[in-house]
Amino acid sequence: MAITASMVKELRDTTGAGMMDAKKALTETDGDMEAAVDWLRTKGLAKAAKKSGRTAAEGLVAVAVEGGNGVAVEVNSETDFVAKNADFQSMVADIAKTALQVPDLGALTAFEIGGKSIEAIVTDKIATIGENMSVRRMAKLSGDAVTSYVHNAAAPGMGKIGVLVALSKADDAFGKQVAMHVAAVNPASLSETDLDPAMVEKERQVQIDIARESGKPEQVIEKMIEGRMKKYMSEVTLLNQQFVVNPDLTVGQAATEAGVEITGFVRLEVGEGIEKVQEDFAAEVAKAAKG
């Protein structure tokens, strides 16, 4: 029996299983929808799908570097406990190494290791460990030399914050210092030219409103805004920030003294931007006790 896209969609909607798993289940059962659901259940895939709606805001960011190429990947779990699980960490390490070979997140989840896609590997791990998981983000960086740093490391090359820094030439010591700075300060961009224009305009409007509240003459307000925007740029752009290692210098000045140019950076932090659901554990237990 020919397996159609609508059949695959129906099975995915019913079970929450991945597209490739749903298609395989229908192929194995000759298009029998009920049998396909049972097939997924026996493989633990339907069980894993039930967990897919639960918030996964913990996990790990892993970094990998090969020559002048680096990658950072965020793999989420529901709890920090699972992030400390050796099997989970091994899976994350394999995913990060694979990410060096692919261009984007879609290609990463479709990539096969040992005949199984990373999407399927994660699904299997959900069924085994019992928590929702996802490969949420990846970011790549290239340069003449790339240095990596992991903050709050749970295992080699992975932790709560992962940073990559690209330099014009190899200088691991300085690169590590800059990466630590990026982890701590979280700059919005490398320089003023890289800043999102919408972000800059929003800040300018805020400063205009604040300045006009002062009731000062318009020419004074213009100078106030100019000074405040300059200060803003020094706070959000990496090259203009005070270097945490030596606050007497900006990061850009420190790079000049080190004889290198910082050409880019990447920073990923676990759970960044995910809204966590706060659960009342006591209420949950009381509700369960009442049946």
C-alpha atoms as a PDB file:
ATOM      1  CA  MET A   1       0.000   0.000   0.000  1.00  0.00           C
ATOM      2  CA  ALA A   2       1.306   3.459  -0.905  1.00  0.00           C
ATOM      3  CA  ILE A   3       2.070   5.615   2.131  1.00  0.00           C
ATOM      4  CA  THR A   4       0.827   9.158   1.563  1.00  0.00           C
ATOM      5  CA  ALA A   5       1.885  12.390   3.237  1.00  0.00           C
ATOM      6  CA  SER A   6      -1.596  12.793   4.732  1.00  0.00           C
ATOM      7  CA  MET A   7      -1.312   9.351   6.385  1.00  0.00           C
ATOM      8  CA  VAL A   8       2.040  10.285   7.874  1.00  0.00           C
ATOM      9  CA  LYS A   9       0.602  13.578   9.150  1.00  0.00           C
ATOM     10  CA  GLU A  10      -2.395  11.818  10.717  1.00  0.00           C
ATOM     11  CA  LEU A  11      -0.145   9.379  12.561  1.00  0.00           C
ATOM     12  CA  ARG A  12       2.148  12.178  13.712  1.00  0.00           C
ATOM     13  CA  ASP A  13      -0.831  14.161  15.003  1.00  0.00           C
ATOM     14  CA  THR A  14      -2.122  11.095  16.848  1.00  0.00           C
ATOM     15  CA  THR A  15       1.128  10.006  18.467  1.00  0.00           C
ATOM     16  CA  GLY A  16       3.459  12.997  18.295  1.00  0.00           C
ATOM     17  CA  ALA A  17       6.141  10.775  16.771  1.00  0.00           C
ATOM     18  CA  GLY A  18       8.745  12.155  14.371  1.00  0.00           C
ATOM     19  CA  MET A  19       8.063  12.226  10.626  1.00  0.00           C
ATOM     20  CA  MET A  20      10.550   9.492   9.741  1.00  0.00           C
ATOM     21  CA  ASP A  21       9.342   7.265  12.589  1.00  0.00           C
ATOM     22  CA  ALA A  22       5.696   7.734  11.533  1.00  0.00           C
ATOM     23  CA  LYS A  23       6.514   6.883   7.920  1.00  0.00           C
ATOM     24  CA  LYS A  24       8.462   3.789   8.954  1.00  0.00           C
ATOM     25  CA  ALA A  25       5.631   2.620  11.225  1.00  0.00           C
ATOM     26  CA  LEU A  26       3.125   2.894   8.362  1.00  0.00           C
ATOM     27  CA  THR A  27       5.481   1.116   5.977  1.00  0.00           C
ATOM     28  CA  GLU A  28       6.050  -1.720   8.454  1.00  0.00           C
ATOM     29  CA  THR A  29       2.289  -2.149   8.993  1.00  0.00           C
ATOM     30  CA  ASP A  30       1.233  -1.723   5.347  1.00  0.00           C
ATOM     31  CA  GLY A  31      -0.631   1.506   6.089  1.00  0.00           C
ATOM     32  CA  ASP A  32      -2.743   0.143   8.952  1.00  0.00           C
ATOM     33  CA  MET A  33      -3.150   3.194  11.226  1.00  0.00           C
ATOM     34  CA  GLU A  34      -4.015   1.292  14.420  1.00  0.00           C
ATOM     35  CA  ALA A  35      -1.212  -1.201  13.870  1.00  0.00           C
ATOM     36  CA  ALA A  36       1.182   1.689  13.208  1.00  0.00           C
ATOM     37  CA  VAL A  37       0.251   3.279  16.546  1.00  0.00           C
ATOM     38  CA  ASP A  38       0.947  -0.048  18.265  1.00  0.00           C
ATOM     39  CA  TRP A  39       4.235  -0.377  16.379  1.00  0.00           C
ATOM     40  CA  LEU A  40       5.326   3.020  17.660  1.00  0.00           C
ATOM     41  CA  ARG A  41       4.291   2.085  21.189  1.00  0.00           C
ATOM     42  CA  THR A  42       6.355  -1.108  21.111  1.00  0.00           C
ATOM     43  CA  LYS A  43       9.371   0.903  20.017  1.00  0.00           C
ATOM     44  CA  GLY A  44       8.812   3.393  22.846  1.00  0.00           C
ATOM     45  CA  LEU A  45       8.334   6.199  20.335  1.00  0.00           C
ATOM     46  CA  ALA A  46       4.719   6.997  21.176  1.00  0.00           C
ATOM     47  CA  LYS A  47       5.621   7.025  24.851  1.00  0.00           C
ATOM     48  CA  ALA A  48       8.370   9.519  24.108  1.00  0.00           C
ATOM     49  CA  ALA A  49       5.998  11.670  22.080  1.00  0.00           C
ATOM     50  CA  LYS A  50       3.674  12.102  25.064  1.00  0.00           C
ATOM     51  CA  LYS A  51       6.478  13.962  26.793  1.00  0.00           C
ATOM     52  CA  SER A  52       7.036  16.338  23.867  1.00  0.00           C
ATOM     53  CA  GLY A  53       4.671  18.972  25.242  1.00  0.00           C
ATOM     54  CA  ARG A  54       6.570  19.338  28.490  1.00  0.00           C
ATOM     55  CA  THR A  55       8.930  22.277  28.899  1.00  0.00           C
ATOM     56  CA  ALA A  56      12.598  21.389  28.430  1.00  0.00           C
ATOM     57  CA  ALA A  57      14.555  24.418  29.630  1.00  0.00           C
ATOM     58  CA  GLU A  58      17.519  22.696  31.276  1.00  0.00           C
ATOM     59  CA  GLY A  59      20.252  20.690  29.567  1.00  0.00           C
ATOM     60  CA  LEU A  60      23.667  21.508  28.172  1.00  0.00           C
ATOM     61  CA  VAL A  61      25.488  23.632  25.624  1.00  0.00           C
ATOM     62  CA  ALA A  62      28.333  21.732  23.991  1.00  0.00           C
ATOM     63  CA  VAL A  63      31.156  23.247  21.953  1.00  0.00           C
ATOM     64  CA  ALA A  64      33.453  21.639  19.413  1.00  0.00           C
ATOM     65  CA  VAL A  65      36.345  23.135  17.447  1.00  0.00           C
ATOM     66  CA  GLU A  66      38.224  21.767  14.462  1.00  0.00           C
ATOM     67  CA  GLY A  67      40.875  24.001  12.919  1.00  0.00           C
ATOM     68  CA  GLY A  68      39.321  27.347  12.099  1.00  0.00           C
ATOM     69  CA  ASN A  69      35.765  26.098  12.568  1.00  0.00           C
ATOM     70  CA  GLY A  70      33.743  25.939  15.759  1.00  0.00           C
ATOM     71  CA  VAL A  71      30.191  25.058  16.714  1.00  0.00           C
ATOM     72  CA  ALA A  72      28.013  25.441  19.789  1.00  0.00           C
ATOM     73  CA  VAL A  73      24.900  23.293  20.238  1.00  0.00           C
ATOM     74  CA  GLU A  74      22.151  23.533  22.862  1.00  0.00           C
ATOM     75  CA  VAL A  75      20.428  20.267  23.800  1.00  0.00           C
ATOM     76  CA  ASN A  76      17.621  20.652  26.316  1.00  0.00           C
ATOM     77  CA  SER A  77      16.152  18.398  28.974  1.00  0.00           C
ATOM     78  CA  GLU A  78      13.464  19.008  31.580  1.00  0.00           C
ATOM     79  CA  THR A  79      15.736  18.837  34.627  1.00  0.00           C
ATOM     80  CA  ASP A  80      19.296  19.611  35.565  1.00  0.00           C
ATOM     81  CA  PHE A  81      19.493  16.083  36.976  1.00  0.00           C
ATOM     82  CA  VAL A  82      19.325  14.624  33.465  1.00  0.00           C
ATOM     83  CA  ALA A  83      21.990  17.114  32.297  1.00  0.00           C
ATOM     84  CA  LYS A  84      24.327  15.318  34.727  1.00  0.00           C
ATOM     85  CA  ASN A  85      23.428  11.893  33.299  1.00  0.00           C
ATOM     86  CA  ALA A  86      26.404  10.239  31.569  1.00  0.00           C
ATOM     87  CA  ASP A  87      24.246   8.812  28.746  1.00  0.00           C
ATOM     88  CA  PHE A  88      22.752  12.235  28.044  1.00  0.00           C
ATOM     89  CA  GLN A  89      26.202  13.846  28.075  1.00  0.00           C
ATOM     90  CA  SER A  90      27.548  11.206  25.681  1.00  0.00           C
ATOM     91  CA  MET A  91      24.673  11.895  23.275  1.00  0.00           C
ATOM     92  CA  VAL A  92      25.261  15.659  23.472  1.00  0.00           C
ATOM     93  CA  ALA A  93      28.987  15.193  22.763  1.00  0.00           C
ATOM     94  CA  ASP A  94      28.199  13.115  19.651  1.00  0.00           C
ATOM     95  CA  ILE A  95      25.705  15.733  18.455  1.00  0.00           C
ATOM     96  CA  ALA A  96      28.255  18.540  18.867  1.00  0.00           C
ATOM     97  CA  LYS A  97      30.915  16.636  16.895  1.00  0.00           C
ATOM     98  CA  THR A  98      28.392  15.943  14.145  1.00  0.00           C
ATOM     99  CA  ALA A  99      27.373  19.619  14.037  1.00  0.00           C
ATOM    100  CA  LEU A 100      30.845  20.480  12.710  1.00  0.00           C
ATOM    101  CA  GLN A 101      29.946  18.572   9.529  1.00  0.00           C
ATOM    102  CA  VAL A 102      26.570  20.166   8.732  1.00  0.00           C
ATOM    103  CA  PRO A 103      25.404  23.682   7.777  1.00  0.00           C
ATOM    104  CA  ASP A 104      22.357  24.147  10.005  1.00  0.00           C
ATOM    105  CA  LEU A 105      20.007  22.699  12.629  1.00  0.00           C
ATOM    106  CA  GLY A 106      17.730  20.979  10.118  1.00  0.00           C
ATOM    107  CA  ALA A 107      20.647  19.126   8.557  1.00  0.00           C
ATOM    108  CA  LEU A 108      21.925  18.250  12.034  1.00  0.00           C
ATOM    109  CA  THR A 109      18.728  16.548  13.245  1.00  0.00           C
ATOM    110  CA  ALA A 110      18.452  14.637   9.946  1.00  0.00           C
ATOM    111  CA  PHE A 111      22.096  13.488  10.032  1.00  0.00           C
ATOM    112  CA  GLU A 112      22.500   9.766  10.669  1.00  0.00           C
ATOM    113  CA  ILE A 113      24.858   8.196  13.182  1.00  0.00           C
ATOM    114  CA  GLY A 114      25.074   4.419  12.920  1.00  0.00           C
ATOM    115  CA  GLY A 115      22.105   4.305  10.555  1.00  0.00           C
ATOM    116  CA  LYS A 116      19.819   6.359  12.810  1.00  0.00           C
ATOM    117  CA  SER A 117      19.023  10.067  12.535  1.00  0.00           C
ATOM    118  CA  ILE A 118      19.876  12.352  15.429  1.00  0.00           C
ATOM    119  CA  GLU A 119      16.151  13.115  15.713  1.00  0.00           C
ATOM    120  CA  ALA A 120      15.495   9.394  16.230  1.00  0.00           C
ATOM    121  CA  ILE A 121      18.421   9.067  18.666  1.00  0.00           C
ATOM    122  CA  VAL A 122      16.979  11.866  20.805  1.00  0.00           C
ATOM    123  CA  THR A 123      13.517  10.259  20.659  1.00  0.00           C
ATOM    124  CA  ASP A 124      14.974   6.951  21.851  1.00  0.00           C
ATOM    125  CA  LYS A 125      16.720   8.749  24.701  1.00  0.00           C
ATOM    126  CA  ILE A 126      13.428  10.395  25.714  1.00  0.00           C
ATOM    127  CA  ALA A 127      11.832   6.955  25.977  1.00  0.00           C
ATOM    128  CA  THR A 128      14.803   5.571  27.924  1.00  0.00           C
ATOM    129  CA  ILE A 129      15.384   8.427  30.384  1.00  0.00           C
ATOM    130  CA  GLY A 130      11.755   9.560  30.660  1.00  0.00           C
ATOM    131  CA  GLU A 131      12.111  13.302  30.058  1.00  0.00           C
ATOM    132  CA  ASN A 132      11.380  15.523  27.107  1.00  0.00           C
ATOM    133  CA  MET A 133      14.517  16.578  25.209  1.00  0.00           C
ATOM    134  CA  SER A 134      15.271  18.620  22.118  1.00  0.00           C
ATOM    135  CA  VAL A 135      18.165  19.799  20.005  1.00  0.00           C
ATOM    136  CA  ARG A 136      17.156  23.444  20.205  1.00  0.00           C
ATOM    137  CA  ARG A 137      19.896  25.576  18.640  1.00  0.00           C
ATOM    138  CA  MET A 138      23.256  25.469  16.944  1.00  0.00           C
ATOM    139  CA  ALA A 139      25.599  28.291  15.959  1.00  0.00           C
ATOM    140  CA  LYS A 140      28.746  28.040  13.850  1.00  0.00           C
ATOM    141  CA  LEU A 141      31.775  30.313  13.728  1.00  0.00           C
ATOM    142  CA  SER A 142      34.774  30.355  11.405  1.00  0.00           C
ATOM    143  CA  GLY A 143      38.037  32.292  11.469  1.00  0.00           C
ATOM    144  CA  ASP A 144      41.781  31.958  11.148  1.00  0.00           C
ATOM    145  CA  ALA A 145      41.654  30.559  14.686  1.00  0.00           C
ATOM    146  CA  VAL A 146      38.699  29.681  16.940  1.00  0.00           C
ATOM    147  CA  THR A 147      38.859  29.320  20.732  1.00  0.00           C
ATOM    148  CA  SER A 148      36.117  27.803  22.882  1.00  0.00           C
ATOM    149  CA  TYR A 149      35.127  28.155  26.520  1.00  0.00           C
ATOM    150  CA  VAL A 150      32.445  26.493  28.641  1.00  0.00           C
ATOM    151  CA  HIS A 151      31.127  28.026  31.840  1.00  0.00           C
ATOM    152  CA  ASN A 152      29.850  25.796  34.669  1.00  0.00           C
ATOM    153  CA  ALA A 153      31.208  22.726  32.901  1.00  0.00           C
ATOM    154  CA  ALA A 154      29.329  19.479  33.584  1.00  0.00           C
ATOM    155  CA  ALA A 155      31.765  17.483  31.444  1.00  0.00           C
ATOM    156  CA  PRO A 156      34.597  18.332  29.031  1.00  0.00           C
ATOM    157  CA  GLY A 157      33.315  20.700  26.333  1.00  0.00           C
ATOM    158  CA  MET A 158      29.814  21.132  27.733  1.00  0.00           C
ATOM    159  CA  GLY A 159      28.111  23.205  30.405  1.00  0.00           C
ATOM    160  CA  LYS A 160      25.526  25.925  31.030  1.00  0.00           C
ATOM    161  CA  ILE A 161      27.141  28.547  28.752  1.00  0.00           C
ATOM    162  CA  GLY A 162      29.200  27.848  25.645  1.00  0.00           C
ATOM    163  CA  VAL A 163      31.302  30.504  23.904  1.00  0.00           C
ATOM    164  CA  LEU A 164      33.315  30.581  20.672  1.00  0.00           C
ATOM    165  CA  VAL A 165      35.699  33.402  19.745  1.00  0.00           C
ATOM    166  CA  ALA A 166      37.299  33.850  16.323  1.00  0.00           C
ATOM    167  CA  LEU A 167      40.703  35.554  16.076  1.00  0.00           C
ATOM    168  CA  SER A 168      42.877  36.672  13.193  1.00  0.00           C
ATOM    169  CA  LYS A 169      45.627  34.344  14.419  1.00  0.00           C
ATOM    170  CA  ALA A 170      46.028  31.621  17.033  1.00  0.00           C
ATOM    171  CA  ASP A 171      46.366  32.887  20.607  1.00  0.00           C
ATOM    172  CA  ASP A 172      44.639  30.423  22.916  1.00  0.00           C
ATOM    173  CA  ALA A 173      45.433  32.316  26.114  1.00  0.00           C
ATOM    174  CA  PHE A 174      43.991  35.607  24.918  1.00  0.00           C
ATOM    175  CA  GLY A 175      41.130  33.886  23.111  1.00  0.00           C
ATOM    176  CA  LYS A 176      40.154  32.120  26.334  1.00  0.00           C
ATOM    177  CA  GLN A 177      40.174  35.431  28.229  1.00  0.00           C
ATOM    178  CA  VAL A 178      37.893  37.020  25.643  1.00  0.00           C
ATOM    179  CA  ALA A 179      35.606  33.985  25.698  1.00  0.00           C
ATOM    180  CA  MET A 180      35.346  34.217  29.494  1.00  0.00           C
ATOM    181  CA  HIS A 181      34.515  37.913  29.134  1.00  0.00           C
ATOM    182  CA  VAL A 182      31.754  37.089  26.626  1.00  0.00           C
ATOM    183  CA  ALA A 183      30.344  34.432  28.965  1.00  0.00           C
ATOM    184  CA  ALA A 184      30.240  36.888  31.873  1.00  0.00           C
ATOM    185  CA  VAL A 185      29.105  40.112  30.159  1.00  0.00           C
ATOM    186  CA  ASN A 186      27.008  38.788  27.239  1.00  0.00           C
ATOM    187  CA  PRO A 187      27.596  41.529  24.621  1.00  0.00           C
ATOM    188  CA  ALA A 188      24.889  42.087  22.020  1.00  0.00           C
ATOM    189  CA  SER A 189      27.322  42.322  19.092  1.00  0.00           C
ATOM    190  CA  LEU A 190      30.980  42.540  18.144  1.00  0.00           C
ATOM    191  CA  SER A 191      30.913  46.227  17.197  1.00  0.00           C
ATOM    192  CA  GLU A 192      28.537  49.107  16.482  1.00  0.00           C
ATOM    193  CA  THR A 193      28.216  48.112  12.821  1.00  0.00           C
ATOM    194  CA  ASP A 194      26.918  44.665  13.830  1.00  0.00           C
ATOM    195  CA  LEU A 195      24.178  45.928  16.137  1.00  0.00           C
ATOM    196  CA  ASP A 196      20.566  45.408  15.131  1.00  0.00           C
ATOM    197  CA  PRO A 197      19.378  48.832  13.842  1.00  0.00           C
ATOM    198  CA  ALA A 198      15.951  48.275  15.411  1.00  0.00           C
ATOM    199  CA  MET A 199      17.591  47.677  18.777  1.00  0.00           C
ATOM    200  CA  VAL A 200      19.645  50.878  18.450  1.00  0.00           C
ATOM    201  CA  GLU A 201      16.624  52.944  17.396  1.00  0.00           C
ATOM    202  CA  LYS A 202      14.567  51.608  20.294  1.00  0.00           C
ATOM    203  CA  GLU A 203      17.279  52.639  22.751  1.00  0.00           C
ATOM    204  CA  ARG A 204      17.583  56.056  21.101  1.00  0.00           C
ATOM    205  CA  GLN A 205      13.840  56.660  21.500  1.00  0.00           C
ATOM    206  CA  VAL A 206      14.028  55.664  25.160  1.00  0.00           C
ATOM    207  CA  GLN A 207      16.882  58.115  25.716  1.00  0.00           C
ATOM    208  CA  ILE A 208      15.016  60.887  23.866  1.00  0.00           C
ATOM    209  CA  ASP A 209      11.978  60.392  26.100  1.00  0.00           C
ATOM    210  CA  ILE A 210      14.129  60.395  29.240  1.00  0.00           C
ATOM    211  CA  ALA A 211      16.011  63.521  28.141  1.00  0.00           C
ATOM    212  CA  ARG A 212      12.828  65.447  27.314  1.00  0.00           C
ATOM    213  CA  GLU A 213      11.435  64.674  30.749  1.00  0.00           C
ATOM    214  CA  SER A 214      14.238  66.851  32.098  1.00  0.00           C
ATOM    215  CA  GLY A 215      12.678  69.938  30.484  1.00  0.00           C
ATOM    216  CA  LYS A 216      16.054  71.139  29.199  1.00  0.00           C
ATOM    217  CA  PRO A 217      16.507  73.041  25.890  1.00  0.00           C
ATOM    218  CA  GLU A 218      16.525  70.996  22.677  1.00  0.00           C
ATOM    219  CA  GLN A 219      20.231  71.663  21.944  1.00  0.00           C
ATOM    220  CA  VAL A 220      21.142  70.383  25.405  1.00  0.00           C
ATOM    221  CA  ILE A 221      18.921  67.348  24.916  1.00  0.00           C
ATOM    222  CA  GLU A 222      20.727  66.481  21.657  1.00  0.00           C
ATOM    223  CA  LYS A 223      24.086  66.471  23.447  1.00  0.00           C
ATOM    224  CA  MET A 224      22.625  64.386  26.280  1.00  0.00           C
ATOM    225  CA  ILE A 225      21.347  61.796  23.813  1.00  0.00           C
ATOM    226  CA  GLU A 226      24.682  61.692  21.966  1.00  0.00           C
ATOM    227  CA  GLY A 227      26.548  61.032  25.222  1.00  0.00           C
ATOM    228  CA  ARG A 228      24.095  58.426  26.427  1.00  0.00           C
ATOM    229  CA  MET A 229      24.122  56.539  23.110  1.00  0.00           C
ATOM    230  CA  LYS A 230      27.919  56.489  23.194  1.00  0.00           C
ATOM    231  CA  LYS A 231      27.751  55.008  26.688  1.00  0.00           C
ATOM    232  CA  TYR A 232      25.158  52.496  25.489  1.00  0.00           C
ATOM    233  CA  MET A 233      27.444  51.358  22.662  1.00  0.00           C
ATOM    234  CA  SER A 234      30.299  50.880  25.123  1.00  0.00           C
ATOM    235  CA  GLU A 235      28.075  48.648  27.229  1.00  0.00           C
ATOM    236  CA  VAL A 236      26.611  46.357  24.550  1.00  0.00           C
ATOM    237  CA  THR A 237      29.387  45.976  21.929  1.00  0.00           C
ATOM    238  CA  LEU A 238      32.221  43.582  22.720  1.00  0.00           C
ATOM    239  CA  LEU A 239      35.094  45.654  21.334  1.00  0.00           C
ATOM    240  CA  ASN A 240      34.003  48.740  23.305  1.00  0.00           C
ATOM    241  CA  GLN A 241      33.335  47.026  26.631  1.00  0.00           C
ATOM    242  CA  GLN A 242      35.750  47.293  29.548  1.00  0.00           C
ATOM    243  CA  PHE A 243      37.773  44.103  29.559  1.00  0.00           C
ATOM    244  CA  VAL A 244      36.967  42.054  32.674  1.00  0.00           C
ATOM    245  CA  VAL A 245      40.577  40.864  32.821  1.00  0.00           C
ATOM    246  CA  ASN A 246      41.883  44.463  32.760  1.00  0.00           C
ATOM    247  CA  PRO A 247      39.163  47.148  33.186  1.00  0.00           C
ATOM    248  CA  ASP A 248      41.672  49.860  32.263  1.00  0.00           C
ATOM    249  CA  LEU A 249      41.372  48.666  28.655  1.00  0.00           C
ATOM    250  CA  THR A 250      38.488  48.000  26.316  1.00  0.00           C
ATOM    251  CA  VAL A 251      38.375  44.548  24.764  1.00  0.00           C
ATOM    252  CA  GLY A 252      39.365  46.116  21.441  1.00  0.00           C
ATOM    253  CA  GLN A 253      42.392  47.822  23.007  1.00  0.00           C
ATOM    254  CA  ALA A 254      43.414  44.580  24.698  1.00  0.00           C
ATOM    255  CA  ALA A 255      43.242  42.789  21.352  1.00  0.00           C
ATOM    256  CA  THR A 256      45.486  45.449  19.777  1.00  0.00           C
ATOM    257  CA  GLU A 257      48.020  45.019  22.590  1.00  0.00           C
ATOM    258  CA  ALA A 258      47.906  41.237  22.074  1.00  0.00           C
ATOM    259  CA  GLY A 259      48.536  41.737  18.350  1.00  0.00           C
ATOM    260  CA  VAL A 260      45.336  40.031  17.208  1.00  0.00           C
ATOM    261  CA  GLU A 261      41.950  41.005  15.810  1.00  0.00           C
ATOM    262  CA  ILE A 262      38.702  39.608  17.199  1.00  0.00           C
ATOM    263  CA  THR A 263      36.610  38.758  14.139  1.00  0.00           C
ATOM    264  CA  GLY A 264      33.525  37.194  15.720  1.00  0.00           C
ATOM    265  CA  PHE A 265      31.971  35.413  18.663  1.00  0.00           C
ATOM    266  CA  VAL A 266      29.091  33.101  19.564  1.00  0.00           C
ATOM    267  CA  ARG A 267      27.437  32.715  22.975  1.00  0.00           C
ATOM    268  CA  LEU A 268      24.720  30.179  23.813  1.00  0.00           C
ATOM    269  CA  GLU A 269      23.219  29.802  27.272  1.00  0.00           C
ATOM    270  CA  VAL A 270      20.997  26.910  28.320  1.00  0.00           C
ATOM    271  CA  GLY A 271      17.320  27.818  28.420  1.00  0.00           C
ATOM    272  CA  GLU A 272      17.842  31.337  27.097  1.00  0.00           C
ATOM    273  CA  GLY A 273      14.469  32.742  26.026  1.00  0.00           C
ATOM    274  CA  ILE A 274      12.441  29.738  27.193  1.00  0.00           C
ATOM    275  CA  GLU A 275       9.560  30.557  29.519  1.00  0.00           C
ATOM    276  CA  LYS A 276       9.737  28.127  32.400  1.00  0.00           C
ATOM    277  CA  VAL A 277       6.500  26.918  33.957  1.00  0.00           C
ATOM    278  CA  GLN A 278       6.600  27.268  37.733  1.00  0.00           C
ATOM    279  CA  GLU A 279       4.870  24.275  39.285  1.00  0.00           C
ATOM    280  CA  ASP A 280       3.509  24.117  42.839  1.00  0.00           C
ATOM    281  CA  PHE A 281       4.852  20.723  43.871  1.00  0.00           C
ATOM    282  CA  ALA A 282       2.862  20.619  47.130  1.00  0.00           C
ATOM    283  CA  ALA A 283      -0.389  21.333  45.280  1.00  0.00           C
ATOM    284  CA  GLU A 284       0.444  18.682  42.708  1.00  0.00           C
ATOM    285  CA  VAL A 285       0.985  16.056  45.417  1.00  0.00           C
ATOM    286  CA  ALA A 286      -2.241  17.062  47.211  1.00  0.00           C
ATOM    287  CA  LYS A 287      -4.173  16.763  43.949  1.00  0.00           C
ATOM    288  CA  ALA A 288      -2.735  13.307  43.309  1.00  0.00           C
ATOM    289  CA  ALA A 289      -3.617  12.193  46.863  1.00  0.00           C
ATOM    290  CA  LYS A 290      -7.272  13.136  46.277  1.00  0.00           C
ATOM    291  CA  GLY A 291      -7.329  10.950  43.217  1.00  0.00           C
END
